[in-house]
Structures are given as C-alpha cells and as structure tokens.
C-alpha cells in the first residue's frame, strides 16, 4: 500500500495500531461496540452479523482522530457507505466521498480476494457483472416489476458452482431490511453476494446506471 501511494504522489501516510486508537482498553474484545445504525439492516447485516458494529466503532474513532476532512470509501461496499455516511451525518464530519467500482476485463469488481480465485473461478465470477448488466438493460427497456427484475438478477447466477447469499433490490434513498416489491418508480440498487469456492464476492449497481464501466 505504501509503495502504491508513493507512486501516485502521496507524501504523508497516517497509520495507527488498535492500541493507538483505543488506549483505554487492553484488548480488542473490551472495546465498546457502536450501534451500527439503521442502514445495517438486511443483506450484509444478516450474513455478517456484528460486522457493521465493528466498522462503525473503528470508523468513529478514526474520524475523531482525523477531524474534519474528506474520507473515501468504495462503492463496491455500498451498504457500508450508507452506514458510514449516516455516522458522518450524526458527527457533523467528515465529507464522505464514494469512489466508483473498478472492474477487471470481464466486469468482476476488483478486490484483493480475487487473487484467491482460480482462472476457472475468475471467469465464472464474471457472471456477477453479467447479472447486474442484464437487470440494467431490463430497467432501461421499461421493466418496473421488482419480482421480475430480481428473477433477471438470479438467472445468470444459477450455476452449481455459485452459492448465492443474496441478489436483491433496495431503494438507496429509503433503505429497508426486506427486498423491494411491486411496481418501482425510481431506479433501485441491485446488490449481490455470492460464494465461489471459498471466496465471498459482493457487487452492486444502480439500475439507472447506463454510463461507461470503469475497467482497470
């Protein structure tokens, strides 16, 4: 990370240990966990219990230390960006910048865990982006039925080597724990989490997004 930052013109890096950030405790298990907030409902909040409490606890202390600044988070972890934005709104700082997802040549969202995939699994993981793209096309062509859009999401993920945890729609402006139903007026966020082998992969997009895809 330090090498990449230096190559891209970074002159100073702020780092710290758990003991630096939480000097009042002697062990991580003693840290008082934050309430994760409204946006932790459903999806990642169900499949990764306790994760958002940890995120919110650590990020709050980070924000307290760094103060009013700009903080950058990746759109790939969409639900997490909502949790962090909610925290920043309560604290009154910092400004949260959500960075677009960078993708590999087959559309797979870039992540360090992709390195754990075999070549066959990496090719198979391209179905995640194909699933999102199919739902975008359906929305663009006038499909507004939530159930039908969710069926389209699931179609490309129907494979014996893909274990689907969720492939659902949410209103990014009015978050709910349950999937959207009925006729939709506004473009929803499509969110997917699957396991291929032992590797867990997540991705998402807004179905109103018809702009260019960022391929690294």
Protein backbone atom coordinates (compact mmCIF):
# COMPACT_ATOMS: atom_id res chain seq x y z
CA UNK A 1 0.00 0.00 0.00
CA UNK A 2 2.79 2.42 0.89
CA UNK A 3 4.57 1.74 -2.40
CA UNK A 4 1.39 2.34 -4.42
CA UNK A 5 0.70 5.57 -2.53
CA UNK A 6 4.23 6.83 -3.15
CA UNK A 7 3.98 6.02 -6.85
CA UNK A 8 0.79 8.09 -7.02
CA UNK A 9 2.25 11.21 -5.41
CA UNK A 10 1.34 10.71 -1.75
CA UNK A 11 3.76 12.48 0.61
CA UNK A 12 2.36 11.52 4.01
CA UNK A 13 0.57 8.46 5.41
CA UNK A 14 -1.38 8.35 8.68
CA UNK A 15 -1.26 4.93 10.35
CA UNK A 16 -2.03 3.55 13.78
CA UNK A 17 -2.46 0.38 15.81
CA UNK A 18 -5.51 -0.73 17.76
CA UNK A 19 -3.70 0.33 20.93
CA UNK A 20 -3.07 3.81 19.47
CA UNK A 21 -6.73 4.32 18.66
CA UNK A 22 -8.20 2.69 21.78
CA UNK A 23 -5.67 3.37 24.57
CA UNK A 24 -8.40 2.98 27.18
CA UNK A 25 -8.56 -0.79 26.58
CA UNK A 26 -6.01 -3.58 26.79
CA UNK A 27 -7.73 -5.96 24.39
CA UNK A 28 -9.91 -5.58 21.29
CA UNK A 29 -12.72 -7.58 22.89
CA UNK A 30 -13.04 -4.89 25.58
CA UNK A 31 -13.91 -2.14 23.11
CA UNK A 32 -17.49 -0.92 23.50
CA UNK A 33 -19.21 -1.61 20.17
CA UNK A 34 -21.26 1.10 18.44
CA UNK A 35 -24.86 0.57 17.41
CA UNK A 36 -24.47 0.01 13.64
CA UNK A 37 -27.49 2.14 12.83
CA UNK A 38 -30.47 1.96 10.51
CA UNK A 39 -28.58 1.10 7.31
CA UNK A 40 -27.11 -2.09 8.77
CA UNK A 41 -30.50 -3.79 8.35
CA UNK A 42 -30.65 -6.76 5.98
CA UNK A 43 -28.15 -8.13 3.44
CA UNK A 44 -24.61 -7.75 4.87
CA UNK A 45 -26.11 -7.08 8.29
CA UNK A 46 -27.65 -10.57 8.18
CA UNK A 47 -24.83 -12.50 6.53
CA UNK A 48 -22.04 -10.80 8.51
CA UNK A 49 -23.52 -10.28 11.99
CA UNK A 50 -21.53 -7.80 14.06
CA UNK A 51 -19.53 -6.55 11.08
CA UNK A 52 -21.14 -3.12 10.86
CA UNK A 53 -20.88 -2.61 14.61
CA UNK A 54 -17.14 -3.10 14.28
CA UNK A 55 -16.93 -0.84 11.24
CA UNK A 56 -18.86 1.94 12.91
CA UNK A 57 -16.82 1.66 16.12
CA UNK A 58 -13.45 1.83 14.37
CA UNK A 59 -14.51 4.48 11.85
CA UNK A 60 -15.96 6.75 14.55
CA UNK A 61 -12.66 6.72 16.42
CA UNK A 62 -10.78 7.30 13.14
CA UNK A 63 -12.97 10.31 12.37
CA UNK A 64 -12.48 11.65 15.90
CA UNK A 65 -8.71 11.47 15.41
CA UNK A 66 -8.51 12.85 11.86
CA UNK A 67 -11.19 15.52 12.30
CA UNK A 68 -12.99 17.39 9.53
CA UNK A 69 -11.56 16.18 6.22
CA UNK A 70 -12.54 14.08 3.21
CA UNK A 71 -12.88 10.31 3.66
CA UNK A 72 -13.01 7.98 0.66
CA UNK A 73 -14.94 4.69 0.56
CA UNK A 74 -15.53 2.27 -2.31
CA UNK A 75 -18.97 1.86 -3.88
CA UNK A 76 -18.45 -1.91 -4.07
CA UNK A 77 -19.26 -1.97 -0.34
CA UNK A 78 -22.45 0.00 -0.96
CA UNK A 79 -24.27 -0.80 2.27
CA UNK A 80 -21.14 0.08 4.23
CA UNK A 81 -21.02 3.50 2.56
CA UNK A 82 -24.56 4.13 3.83
CA UNK A 83 -23.56 3.12 7.37
CA UNK A 84 -20.53 5.43 7.24
CA UNK A 85 -22.47 8.34 5.70
CA UNK A 86 -25.03 8.01 8.50
CA UNK A 87 -22.27 8.14 11.10
CA UNK A 88 -20.67 11.19 9.47
CA UNK A 89 -24.05 12.95 9.34
CA UNK A 90 -24.52 12.39 13.09
CA UNK A 91 -20.97 13.53 13.90
CA UNK A 92 -21.15 16.52 11.55
CA UNK A 93 -17.94 15.50 9.75
CA UNK A 94 -16.10 14.43 7.62
CA UNK A 95 -17.17 14.71 3.99
CA UNK A 96 -17.71 11.19 2.61
CA UNK A 97 -16.63 10.58 -0.99
CA UNK A 98 -17.85 7.34 -2.59
CA UNK A 99 -15.46 6.08 -5.27
CA UNK A 100 -16.77 4.14 -8.30
CA UNK A 101 -16.06 0.43 -8.52
CA UNK A 102 -13.10 -0.51 -10.71
CA UNK A 103 -13.56 -3.71 -12.70
CA UNK A 104 -11.48 -6.37 -14.33
CA UNK A 105 -11.78 -7.07 -18.06
CA UNK A 106 -14.76 -9.43 -17.53
CA UNK A 107 -16.53 -6.93 -15.29
CA UNK A 108 -15.62 -8.58 -11.99
CA UNK A 109 -15.34 -5.92 -9.27
CA UNK A 110 -11.70 -5.52 -8.32
CA UNK A 111 -10.75 -6.87 -4.90
CA UNK A 112 -7.68 -8.36 -3.27
CA UNK A 113 -9.66 -11.54 -2.65
CA UNK A 114 -9.94 -12.10 -6.43
CA UNK A 115 -6.37 -13.40 -6.21
CA UNK A 116 -7.73 -16.40 -4.33
CA UNK A 117 -9.82 -17.45 -7.34
CA UNK A 118 -8.59 -19.99 -9.87
CA UNK A 119 -8.69 -18.98 -13.53
CA UNK A 120 -11.89 -21.00 -13.97
CA UNK A 121 -13.49 -19.41 -10.90
CA UNK A 122 -12.47 -15.91 -12.00
CA UNK A 123 -14.13 -16.47 -15.37
CA UNK A 124 -17.23 -17.81 -13.63
CA UNK A 125 -17.29 -14.76 -11.34
CA UNK A 126 -17.87 -12.64 -14.45
CA UNK A 127 -21.48 -13.78 -14.22
CA UNK A 128 -21.99 -11.36 -11.32
CA UNK A 129 -21.46 -8.37 -13.59
CA UNK A 130 -23.47 -10.05 -16.36
CA UNK A 131 -26.34 -10.39 -13.89
CA UNK A 132 -26.20 -6.70 -12.95
CA UNK A 133 -25.92 -5.69 -16.61
CA UNK A 134 -28.97 -7.78 -17.55
CA UNK A 135 -31.02 -6.05 -14.84
CA UNK A 136 -29.83 -2.62 -16.06
CA UNK A 137 -30.91 -3.49 -19.62
CA UNK A 138 -34.32 -4.67 -18.39
CA UNK A 139 -34.84 -1.43 -16.44
CA UNK A 140 -33.72 0.62 -19.45
CA UNK A 141 -36.24 -1.25 -21.60
CA UNK A 142 -39.08 -0.36 -19.22
CA UNK A 143 -39.28 -3.28 -16.78
CA UNK A 144 -40.50 -1.96 -13.43
CA UNK A 145 -41.75 -5.09 -11.64
CA UNK A 146 -39.47 -5.77 -8.68
CA UNK A 147 -40.06 -9.52 -8.77
CA UNK A 148 -39.23 -9.75 -12.47
CA UNK A 149 -36.06 -7.67 -12.05
CA UNK A 150 -34.96 -9.92 -9.21
CA UNK A 151 -35.58 -13.01 -11.37
CA UNK A 152 -33.35 -11.46 -14.04
CA UNK A 153 -30.65 -10.89 -11.41
CA UNK A 154 -30.81 -14.52 -10.35
CA UNK A 155 -30.82 -16.03 -13.85
CA UNK A 156 -27.11 -15.52 -14.61
CA UNK A 157 -26.18 -16.65 -11.09
CA UNK A 158 -27.89 -20.02 -11.50
CA UNK A 159 -24.82 -22.25 -11.62
CA UNK A 160 -23.81 -25.25 -9.48
CA UNK A 161 -20.51 -23.61 -8.52
CA UNK A 162 -22.10 -20.31 -7.45
CA UNK A 163 -23.59 -20.18 -3.97
CA UNK A 164 -25.90 -17.15 -3.89
CA UNK A 165 -26.32 -15.49 -0.49
CA UNK A 166 -28.48 -12.71 -1.87
CA UNK A 167 -29.36 -10.97 -5.12
CA UNK A 168 -31.87 -8.28 -4.18
CA UNK A 169 -33.14 -4.78 -4.85
CA UNK A 170 -33.19 -1.85 -2.45
CA UNK A 171 -34.18 1.80 -2.68
CA UNK A 172 -30.90 3.62 -1.92
CA UNK A 173 -32.82 6.63 -0.61
CA UNK A 174 -35.24 4.65 1.57
CA UNK A 175 -33.37 1.64 2.92
CA UNK A 176 -35.34 -1.37 4.14
CA UNK A 177 -34.40 -4.75 5.56
CA UNK A 178 -36.61 -6.54 3.05
CA UNK A 179 -36.40 -6.66 -0.78
CA UNK A 180 -38.48 -4.20 -2.78
CA UNK A 181 -41.84 -5.38 -4.08
CA UNK A 182 -44.45 -4.25 -6.60
CA UNK A 183 -44.02 -1.63 -9.31
CA UNK A 184 -40.95 0.54 -8.84
CA UNK A 185 -40.85 4.24 -9.65
CA UNK A 186 -37.19 5.05 -9.03
CA UNK A 187 -34.14 3.06 -10.18
CA UNK A 188 -33.26 0.64 -7.37
CA UNK A 189 -29.85 -0.54 -6.22
CA UNK A 190 -29.19 -4.16 -7.16
CA UNK A 191 -26.92 -5.88 -4.63
CA UNK A 192 -25.35 -9.31 -4.93
CA UNK A 193 -23.28 -11.53 -2.62
CA UNK A 194 -22.10 -14.98 -3.69
CA UNK A 195 -19.50 -17.56 -2.79
CA UNK A 196 -17.41 -19.24 -5.46
CA UNK A 197 -15.33 -21.91 -3.83
CA UNK A 198 -14.23 -20.41 -0.51
CA UNK A 199 -14.21 -16.85 -1.82
CA UNK A 200 -17.02 -14.46 -0.95
CA UNK A 201 -17.70 -11.79 -3.59
CA UNK A 202 -20.02 -8.79 -3.43
CA UNK A 203 -21.08 -6.27 -6.06
CA UNK A 204 -23.84 -3.81 -6.79
CA UNK A 205 -25.07 -1.17 -9.18
CA UNK A 206 -27.95 1.22 -9.56
CA UNK A 207 -30.26 0.05 -12.34
CA UNK A 208 -30.42 3.61 -13.65
CA UNK A 209 -26.69 3.47 -14.32
CA UNK A 210 -26.15 3.27 -18.08
CA UNK A 211 -22.83 5.13 -18.12
CA UNK A 212 -19.42 3.69 -19.06
CA UNK A 213 -17.96 0.90 -16.93
CA UNK A 214 -14.58 1.61 -15.34
CA UNK A 215 -12.26 -1.19 -16.40
CA UNK A 216 -8.84 -1.02 -14.75
